[in-house]
């Protein structure tokens, strides 16, 4: 089964990417307004999703949050911008390849762009607002962009692992 030419075009990819980043930023604005003094739970024990505002000065699980400001800017703004630019260029240059080859890296790039916007316009912080709780276990605080980054990275790792096993 092949994908329609419209869905396979770079223009569609760009428009879908812009829509993804716009939705991510809109939800972050809603979180900033709605979760400033409140938190909410969706679901019940033992599994629920907590919505609570967190401005993350670091990366995954606040790694690097204690670094000096200049080092954080170099890593989290300049470094991420370089990686995101390369990932976008590679994804769009290879968009004619099967989606399973280009979509994971494109998802990582889009998530990176969305979080990079936060870092640039929110004094080096990323707006996080979701915590998944499963019994006594819970995740770190994350956002929609983090889901795209994680999903893309997990797919790439599984693909690499499965290729090595074969």
N, C-alpha and C. Protein backbone atom coordinates (compact mmCIF):
# COMPACT_ATOMS: atom_id res chain seq x y z
N UNK A 1 0.85 -1.18 0.00
CA UNK A 1 0.00 0.00 0.00
C UNK A 1 0.89 1.23 0.00
N UNK A 2 0.67 2.14 -0.91
CA UNK A 2 1.49 3.35 -1.01
C UNK A 2 0.73 4.55 -0.45
N UNK A 3 1.51 5.54 -0.05
CA UNK A 3 0.94 6.76 0.50
C UNK A 3 0.63 7.71 -0.66
N UNK A 4 -0.43 8.50 -0.52
CA UNK A 4 -0.80 9.42 -1.60
C UNK A 4 0.32 10.43 -1.83
N UNK A 5 0.49 10.88 -3.08
CA UNK A 5 1.54 11.86 -3.40
C UNK A 5 1.43 13.14 -2.58
N UNK A 6 0.20 13.57 -2.27
CA UNK A 6 0.02 14.78 -1.47
C UNK A 6 0.68 14.62 -0.10
N UNK A 7 0.44 13.48 0.54
CA UNK A 7 1.00 13.25 1.88
C UNK A 7 2.51 13.03 1.84
N UNK A 8 3.03 12.69 0.69
CA UNK A 8 4.47 12.41 0.57
C UNK A 8 5.27 13.65 0.19
N UNK A 9 4.60 14.75 -0.09
CA UNK A 9 5.29 15.96 -0.53
C UNK A 9 5.95 16.70 0.62
N UNK A 10 7.04 17.39 0.29
CA UNK A 10 7.75 18.18 1.30
C UNK A 10 6.88 19.33 1.83
N UNK A 11 6.03 19.87 0.96
CA UNK A 11 5.15 20.96 1.40
C UNK A 11 4.23 20.47 2.50
N UNK A 12 3.66 19.28 2.32
CA UNK A 12 2.81 18.71 3.37
C UNK A 12 3.61 18.49 4.65
N UNK A 13 4.83 17.98 4.51
CA UNK A 13 5.68 17.74 5.68
C UNK A 13 5.94 19.04 6.43
N UNK A 14 6.26 20.10 5.69
CA UNK A 14 6.51 21.40 6.31
C UNK A 14 5.26 21.94 7.01
N UNK A 15 4.12 21.86 6.34
CA UNK A 15 2.87 22.35 6.93
C UNK A 15 2.49 21.55 8.17
N UNK A 16 2.65 20.23 8.10
CA UNK A 16 2.37 19.39 9.26
C UNK A 16 3.33 19.72 10.41
N UNK A 17 4.58 19.98 10.08
CA UNK A 17 5.56 20.35 11.09
C UNK A 17 5.24 21.68 11.75
N UNK A 18 4.83 22.65 10.95
CA UNK A 18 4.44 23.96 11.49
C UNK A 18 3.22 23.80 12.40
N UNK A 19 2.27 22.97 11.96
CA UNK A 19 1.07 22.73 12.78
C UNK A 19 1.44 22.07 14.10
N UNK A 20 2.35 21.10 14.06
CA UNK A 20 2.78 20.42 15.29
C UNK A 20 3.40 21.42 16.27
N UNK A 21 4.33 22.24 15.78
CA UNK A 21 4.99 23.22 16.65
C UNK A 21 3.97 24.23 17.18
N UNK A 22 3.02 24.66 16.35
CA UNK A 22 2.00 25.61 16.78
C UNK A 22 1.12 25.01 17.88
N UNK A 23 0.70 23.77 17.71
CA UNK A 23 -0.12 23.11 18.73
C UNK A 23 0.68 22.97 20.03
N UNK A 24 1.94 22.56 19.92
CA UNK A 24 2.79 22.43 21.11
C UNK A 24 2.87 23.76 21.86
N UNK A 25 3.12 24.85 21.13
CA UNK A 25 3.24 26.15 21.76
C UNK A 25 1.91 26.62 22.36
N UNK A 26 0.81 26.34 21.68
CA UNK A 26 -0.51 26.72 22.21
C UNK A 26 -0.80 25.97 23.51
N UNK A 27 -0.52 24.68 23.54
CA UNK A 27 -0.76 23.90 24.76
C UNK A 27 0.15 24.39 25.89
N UNK A 28 1.39 24.77 25.57
CA UNK A 28 2.28 25.30 26.59
C UNK A 28 1.75 26.63 27.14
N UNK A 29 1.21 27.48 26.27
CA UNK A 29 0.61 28.74 26.75
C UNK A 29 -0.59 28.45 27.66
N UNK A 30 -1.41 27.49 27.27
CA UNK A 30 -2.54 27.10 28.11
C UNK A 30 -2.06 26.58 29.47
N UNK A 31 -0.99 25.81 29.45
CA UNK A 31 -0.43 25.30 30.71
C UNK A 31 0.08 26.44 31.58
N UNK A 32 0.75 27.41 30.96
CA UNK A 32 1.27 28.55 31.72
C UNK A 32 0.13 29.34 32.38
N UNK A 33 -0.99 29.47 31.68
CA UNK A 33 -2.12 30.23 32.21
C UNK A 33 -2.92 29.40 33.21
N UNK A 34 -3.23 28.17 32.85
CA UNK A 34 -4.15 27.34 33.65
C UNK A 34 -3.51 26.64 34.84
N UNK A 35 -2.23 26.34 34.74
CA UNK A 35 -1.60 25.52 35.78
C UNK A 35 -0.71 26.33 36.71
N UNK A 36 -0.76 27.66 36.60
CA UNK A 36 0.08 28.51 37.43
C UNK A 36 -0.12 28.22 38.91
N UNK A 37 -1.35 28.10 39.35
CA UNK A 37 -1.64 27.87 40.77
C UNK A 37 -2.40 26.57 40.99
N UNK A 38 -2.68 25.84 39.94
CA UNK A 38 -3.49 24.62 40.06
C UNK A 38 -2.78 23.43 39.43
N UNK A 39 -3.22 22.25 39.80
CA UNK A 39 -2.83 21.03 39.10
C UNK A 39 -4.07 20.16 38.98
N UNK A 40 -4.07 19.29 38.00
CA UNK A 40 -5.23 18.45 37.73
C UNK A 40 -4.78 17.02 37.53
N UNK A 41 -5.68 16.08 37.82
CA UNK A 41 -5.42 14.67 37.56
C UNK A 41 -6.46 14.16 36.59
N UNK A 42 -6.00 13.41 35.58
CA UNK A 42 -6.90 12.76 34.64
C UNK A 42 -6.75 11.27 34.87
N UNK A 43 -7.84 10.60 35.16
CA UNK A 43 -7.79 9.19 35.49
C UNK A 43 -7.80 9.02 37.00
N UNK A 44 -7.70 7.76 37.42
CA UNK A 44 -7.70 7.48 38.85
C UNK A 44 -6.59 6.48 39.15
N UNK A 45 -6.40 6.21 40.42
CA UNK A 45 -5.35 5.26 40.80
C UNK A 45 -5.67 3.89 40.26
N UNK A 46 -4.75 3.10 39.86
CA UNK A 46 -3.32 3.31 39.97
C UNK A 46 -2.69 4.04 38.79
N UNK A 47 -3.48 4.30 37.71
CA UNK A 47 -2.91 4.97 36.54
C UNK A 47 -3.60 6.31 36.33
N UNK A 48 -2.80 7.39 36.27
CA UNK A 48 -3.37 8.70 35.99
C UNK A 48 -2.32 9.61 35.37
N UNK A 49 -2.81 10.66 34.78
CA UNK A 49 -1.96 11.68 34.18
C UNK A 49 -2.16 12.96 34.98
N UNK A 50 -1.11 13.43 35.60
CA UNK A 50 -1.18 14.67 36.38
C UNK A 50 -0.74 15.82 35.49
N UNK A 51 -1.47 16.91 35.55
CA UNK A 51 -1.11 18.13 34.82
C UNK A 51 -0.64 19.15 35.84
N UNK A 52 0.64 19.44 35.82
CA UNK A 52 1.21 20.40 36.76
C UNK A 52 2.34 21.15 36.06
N UNK A 53 2.42 22.43 36.28
CA UNK A 53 3.37 23.29 35.59
C UNK A 53 4.78 23.15 36.15
N UNK A 54 5.74 23.05 35.24
CA UNK A 54 7.15 23.03 35.62
C UNK A 54 7.95 23.74 34.54
N UNK A 55 8.79 24.68 34.94
CA UNK A 55 9.68 25.35 34.00
C UNK A 55 11.05 24.70 34.16
N UNK A 56 11.42 23.89 33.19
CA UNK A 56 12.61 23.06 33.27
C UNK A 56 13.83 23.82 32.73
N UNK A 57 14.83 24.10 33.58
CA UNK A 57 16.02 24.80 33.11
C UNK A 57 17.06 23.85 32.51
N UNK A 58 16.80 22.55 32.58
CA UNK A 58 17.76 21.57 32.07
C UNK A 58 17.16 20.77 30.92
N UNK A 59 17.75 19.61 30.71
CA UNK A 59 17.27 18.71 29.66
C UNK A 59 16.42 17.63 30.33
N UNK A 60 16.40 16.45 29.74
CA UNK A 60 15.66 15.30 30.26
C UNK A 60 15.93 15.13 31.76
N UNK A 61 14.85 15.08 32.55
CA UNK A 61 14.93 14.95 34.01
C UNK A 61 15.80 16.04 34.65
N UNK A 62 15.78 17.22 34.05
CA UNK A 62 16.52 18.40 34.52
C UNK A 62 18.03 18.23 34.48
N UNK A 63 18.54 17.30 33.67
CA UNK A 63 19.99 17.14 33.53
C UNK A 63 20.59 18.44 33.01
N UNK A 64 21.66 18.88 33.62
CA UNK A 64 22.34 20.10 33.20
C UNK A 64 21.76 21.37 33.78
N UNK A 65 20.75 21.27 34.62
CA UNK A 65 20.10 22.47 35.17
C UNK A 65 21.07 23.30 36.01
N UNK A 66 22.05 22.65 36.62
CA UNK A 66 22.98 23.36 37.51
C UNK A 66 24.20 23.92 36.78
N UNK A 67 24.28 23.71 35.47
CA UNK A 67 25.42 24.23 34.72
C UNK A 67 25.40 25.76 34.70
N UNK A 68 26.57 26.39 34.55
CA UNK A 68 26.59 27.85 34.42
C UNK A 68 25.75 28.31 33.22
N UNK A 69 25.12 29.48 33.32
CA UNK A 69 24.22 29.95 32.25
C UNK A 69 24.85 29.95 30.85
N UNK A 70 26.12 30.35 30.74
CA UNK A 70 26.75 30.39 29.41
C UNK A 70 26.90 28.98 28.83
N UNK A 71 27.21 28.02 29.67
CA UNK A 71 27.36 26.63 29.22
C UNK A 71 26.00 26.08 28.80
N UNK A 72 24.96 26.37 29.59
CA UNK A 72 23.61 25.92 29.24
C UNK A 72 23.19 26.52 27.90
N UNK A 73 23.47 27.80 27.68
CA UNK A 73 23.11 28.43 26.40
C UNK A 73 23.84 27.75 25.24
N UNK A 74 25.11 27.48 25.44
CA UNK A 74 25.90 26.83 24.39
C UNK A 74 25.35 25.45 24.07
N UNK A 75 25.03 24.67 25.09
CA UNK A 75 24.54 23.30 24.87
C UNK A 75 23.09 23.29 24.42
N UNK A 76 22.21 23.94 25.21
CA UNK A 76 20.77 23.81 25.02
C UNK A 76 20.18 24.71 23.94
N UNK A 77 20.91 25.75 23.55
CA UNK A 77 20.40 26.60 22.47
C UNK A 77 21.23 26.41 21.20
N UNK A 78 22.52 26.68 21.28
CA UNK A 78 23.36 26.56 20.08
C UNK A 78 23.49 25.10 19.64
N UNK A 79 23.83 24.22 20.58
CA UNK A 79 24.00 22.80 20.24
C UNK A 79 22.73 22.18 19.70
N UNK A 80 21.62 22.44 20.39
CA UNK A 80 20.33 21.90 19.94
C UNK A 80 19.96 22.49 18.58
N UNK A 81 20.19 23.77 18.37
CA UNK A 81 19.86 24.40 17.08
C UNK A 81 20.64 23.74 15.93
N UNK A 82 21.90 23.44 16.16
CA UNK A 82 22.72 22.78 15.12
C UNK A 82 22.17 21.39 14.82
N UNK A 83 21.87 20.62 15.85
CA UNK A 83 21.34 19.26 15.66
C UNK A 83 19.98 19.30 14.97
N UNK A 84 19.12 20.21 15.42
CA UNK A 84 17.78 20.34 14.82
C UNK A 84 17.88 20.75 13.35
N UNK A 85 18.74 21.69 13.05
CA UNK A 85 18.91 22.14 11.65
C UNK A 85 19.37 20.97 10.77
N UNK A 86 20.34 20.20 11.27
CA UNK A 86 20.80 19.04 10.49
C UNK A 86 19.68 18.02 10.32
N UNK A 87 18.94 17.72 11.39
CA UNK A 87 17.87 16.72 11.33
C UNK A 87 16.76 17.16 10.37
N UNK A 88 16.42 18.44 10.39
CA UNK A 88 15.40 18.95 9.46
C UNK A 88 15.90 18.83 8.02
N UNK A 89 17.13 19.27 7.78
CA UNK A 89 17.70 19.20 6.43
C UNK A 89 17.71 17.75 5.94
N UNK A 90 18.20 16.83 6.78
CA UNK A 90 18.30 15.42 6.37
C UNK A 90 16.91 14.85 6.09
N UNK A 91 15.97 15.10 7.00
CA UNK A 91 14.61 14.56 6.84
C UNK A 91 13.96 15.05 5.56
N UNK A 92 14.01 16.36 5.35
CA UNK A 92 13.35 16.91 4.17
C UNK A 92 14.08 16.56 2.88
N UNK A 93 15.40 16.43 2.93
CA UNK A 93 16.17 16.02 1.75
C UNK A 93 15.88 14.58 1.35
N UNK A 94 15.53 13.77 2.33
CA UNK A 94 15.28 12.34 2.09
C UNK A 94 13.80 11.99 2.18
N UNK A 95 12.93 12.99 2.06
CA UNK A 95 11.50 12.78 2.27
C UNK A 95 10.90 11.76 1.30
N UNK A 96 11.56 11.52 0.16
CA UNK A 96 11.04 10.54 -0.79
C UNK A 96 11.31 9.11 -0.33
N UNK A 97 12.16 8.94 0.68
CA UNK A 97 12.42 7.61 1.25
C UNK A 97 11.16 7.14 1.99
N UNK A 98 11.10 5.84 2.33
CA UNK A 98 9.95 5.37 3.12
C UNK A 98 9.82 6.18 4.43
N UNK A 99 8.58 6.46 4.82
CA UNK A 99 8.35 7.28 6.01
C UNK A 99 9.01 6.70 7.27
N UNK A 100 9.08 5.38 7.37
CA UNK A 100 9.70 4.78 8.55
C UNK A 100 11.18 5.15 8.68
N UNK A 101 11.78 5.61 7.58
CA UNK A 101 13.18 6.03 7.63
C UNK A 101 13.33 7.51 7.99
N UNK A 102 12.40 8.35 7.55
CA UNK A 102 12.55 9.79 7.74
C UNK A 102 11.70 10.36 8.88
N UNK A 103 10.56 9.75 9.15
CA UNK A 103 9.65 10.31 10.15
C UNK A 103 10.23 10.34 11.56
N UNK A 104 10.95 9.30 12.02
CA UNK A 104 11.49 9.38 13.39
C UNK A 104 12.43 10.58 13.59
N UNK A 105 13.32 10.82 12.64
CA UNK A 105 14.24 11.95 12.77
C UNK A 105 13.49 13.27 12.62
N UNK A 106 12.48 13.30 11.78
CA UNK A 106 11.66 14.51 11.62
C UNK A 106 10.92 14.81 12.92
N UNK A 107 10.41 13.79 13.58
CA UNK A 107 9.72 13.98 14.87
C UNK A 107 10.69 14.53 15.91
N UNK A 108 11.90 14.01 15.94
CA UNK A 108 12.91 14.51 16.87
C UNK A 108 13.21 15.98 16.57
N UNK A 109 13.35 16.31 15.29
CA UNK A 109 13.65 17.70 14.91
C UNK A 109 12.50 18.64 15.30
N UNK A 110 11.26 18.22 15.06
CA UNK A 110 10.11 19.07 15.40
C UNK A 110 10.01 19.28 16.91
N UNK A 111 10.20 18.21 17.67
CA UNK A 111 10.19 18.35 19.13
C UNK A 111 11.31 19.26 19.59
N UNK A 112 12.47 19.13 18.96
CA UNK A 112 13.59 20.00 19.29
C UNK A 112 13.30 21.45 18.99
N UNK A 113 12.66 21.72 17.86
CA UNK A 113 12.29 23.10 17.51
C UNK A 113 11.33 23.67 18.55
N UNK A 114 10.32 22.89 18.90
CA UNK A 114 9.32 23.36 19.86
C UNK A 114 9.96 23.69 21.21
N UNK A 115 10.85 22.83 21.69
CA UNK A 115 11.52 23.11 22.96
C UNK A 115 12.55 24.23 22.83
N UNK A 116 13.16 24.35 21.66
CA UNK A 116 14.12 25.43 21.43
C UNK A 116 13.43 26.79 21.47
N UNK A 117 12.22 26.86 20.93
CA UNK A 117 11.44 28.10 21.01
C UNK A 117 11.25 28.50 22.48
N UNK A 118 10.93 27.52 23.31
CA UNK A 118 10.79 27.81 24.75
C UNK A 118 12.08 28.37 25.32
N UNK A 119 13.18 27.71 25.05
CA UNK A 119 14.47 28.14 25.62
C UNK A 119 14.82 29.57 25.22
N UNK A 120 14.57 29.91 23.96
CA UNK A 120 14.92 31.24 23.46
C UNK A 120 14.00 32.31 24.06
N UNK A 121 12.70 32.03 24.16
CA UNK A 121 11.75 33.05 24.58
C UNK A 121 11.33 32.96 26.05
N UNK A 122 11.79 31.94 26.77
CA UNK A 122 11.41 31.78 28.19
C UNK A 122 12.63 31.67 29.08
N UNK A 123 13.63 32.49 28.78
CA UNK A 123 14.82 32.62 29.62
C UNK A 123 15.52 31.29 29.90
N UNK A 124 15.63 30.46 28.86
CA UNK A 124 16.35 29.20 28.99
C UNK A 124 15.55 28.05 29.56
N UNK A 125 14.27 28.24 29.81
CA UNK A 125 13.43 27.19 30.38
C UNK A 125 12.52 26.57 29.32
N UNK A 126 12.15 25.31 29.55
CA UNK A 126 11.16 24.63 28.73
C UNK A 126 9.92 24.41 29.59
N UNK A 127 8.75 24.69 29.02
CA UNK A 127 7.50 24.50 29.74
C UNK A 127 7.11 23.02 29.68
N UNK A 128 7.08 22.38 30.84
CA UNK A 128 6.63 20.99 30.97
C UNK A 128 5.38 20.99 31.82
N UNK A 129 4.51 19.99 31.61
CA UNK A 129 3.23 20.02 32.32
C UNK A 129 2.56 18.67 32.52
N UNK A 130 3.14 17.57 32.06
CA UNK A 130 2.50 16.26 32.23
C UNK A 130 3.39 15.33 33.05
N UNK A 131 2.74 14.57 33.94
CA UNK A 131 3.42 13.52 34.71
C UNK A 131 2.53 12.29 34.64
N UNK A 132 3.07 11.18 34.15
CA UNK A 132 2.33 9.93 34.09
C UNK A 132 2.62 9.14 35.36
N UNK A 133 1.57 8.76 36.07
CA UNK A 133 1.70 8.00 37.31
C UNK A 133 1.11 6.61 37.11
N UNK A 134 1.90 5.59 37.41
CA UNK A 134 1.45 4.21 37.36
C UNK A 134 1.78 3.62 38.73
N UNK A 135 0.76 3.56 39.59
CA UNK A 135 1.00 3.13 40.97
C UNK A 135 1.97 4.09 41.62
N UNK A 136 3.01 3.55 42.29
CA UNK A 136 3.97 4.42 42.96
C UNK A 136 5.03 4.99 42.00
N UNK A 137 5.03 4.53 40.77
CA UNK A 137 6.02 4.97 39.79
C UNK A 137 5.47 6.16 39.01
N UNK A 138 6.32 7.16 38.78
CA UNK A 138 5.90 8.28 37.95
C UNK A 138 7.07 8.76 37.08
N UNK A 139 6.70 9.36 35.97
CA UNK A 139 7.70 9.88 35.04
C UNK A 139 8.15 11.25 35.51
N UNK A 140 9.17 11.77 34.86
CA UNK A 140 9.50 13.17 35.03
C UNK A 140 8.42 13.99 34.36
N UNK A 141 8.48 15.29 34.51
CA UNK A 141 7.50 16.18 33.90
C UNK A 141 7.89 16.36 32.43
N UNK A 142 6.91 16.26 31.53
CA UNK A 142 7.22 16.34 30.10
C UNK A 142 6.13 17.10 29.35
N UNK A 143 6.31 17.25 28.03
CA UNK A 143 5.36 17.97 27.19
C UNK A 143 5.19 17.24 25.86
N UNK A 144 4.38 17.79 24.97
CA UNK A 144 4.12 17.15 23.67
C UNK A 144 5.41 17.03 22.85
N UNK A 145 6.24 18.05 22.85
CA UNK A 145 7.50 18.00 22.11
C UNK A 145 8.38 16.86 22.61
N UNK A 146 8.40 16.66 23.92
CA UNK A 146 9.19 15.56 24.50
C UNK A 146 8.68 14.21 24.03
N UNK A 147 7.37 14.08 23.85
CA UNK A 147 6.80 12.83 23.35
C UNK A 147 7.30 12.56 21.94
N UNK A 148 7.32 13.58 21.09
CA UNK A 148 7.81 13.42 19.71
C UNK A 148 9.28 13.02 19.71
N UNK A 149 10.08 13.68 20.54
CA UNK A 149 11.51 13.37 20.61
C UNK A 149 11.72 11.94 21.09
N UNK A 150 11.02 11.56 22.14
CA UNK A 150 11.17 10.22 22.72
C UNK A 150 10.69 9.15 21.75
N UNK A 151 9.55 9.37 21.12
CA UNK A 151 9.03 8.38 20.17
C UNK A 151 9.99 8.20 19.00
N UNK A 152 10.50 9.30 18.46
CA UNK A 152 11.46 9.22 17.36
C UNK A 152 12.74 8.50 17.77
N UNK A 153 13.26 8.83 18.94
CA UNK A 153 14.49 8.20 19.42
C UNK A 153 14.29 6.71 19.70
N UNK A 154 13.16 6.35 20.32
CA UNK A 154 12.88 4.93 20.59
C UNK A 154 12.76 4.14 19.29
N UNK A 155 12.09 4.72 18.29
CA UNK A 155 11.95 4.04 17.01
C UNK A 155 13.33 3.83 16.37
N UNK A 156 14.18 4.86 16.39
CA UNK A 156 15.53 4.72 15.82
C UNK A 156 16.34 3.66 16.56
N UNK A 157 16.24 3.64 17.88
CA UNK A 157 16.98 2.63 18.66
C UNK A 157 16.47 1.22 18.38
N UNK A 158 15.13 1.05 18.33
CA UNK A 158 14.59 -0.27 18.03
C UNK A 158 14.99 -0.72 16.63
N UNK A 159 14.94 0.19 15.68
CA UNK A 159 15.32 -0.13 14.31
C UNK A 159 16.79 -0.57 14.24
N UNK A 160 17.64 0.15 14.93
CA UNK A 160 19.06 -0.19 14.98
C UNK A 160 19.27 -1.54 15.65
N UNK A 161 18.59 -1.78 16.76
CA UNK A 161 18.74 -3.04 17.50
C UNK A 161 18.25 -4.20 16.66
N UNK A 162 17.10 -4.05 16.02
CA UNK A 162 16.54 -5.14 15.22
C UNK A 162 17.40 -5.43 14.00
N UNK A 163 18.03 -4.41 13.41
CA UNK A 163 18.93 -4.64 12.28
C UNK A 163 20.16 -5.41 12.71
N UNK A 164 20.69 -5.12 13.88
CA UNK A 164 21.88 -5.83 14.38
C UNK A 164 21.58 -7.27 14.69
N UNK A 165 20.35 -7.55 15.19
CA UNK A 165 19.96 -8.92 15.52
C UNK A 165 19.76 -9.77 14.27
N UNK A 166 19.31 -9.14 13.21
CA UNK A 166 18.99 -9.90 11.98
C UNK A 166 20.22 -10.37 11.25
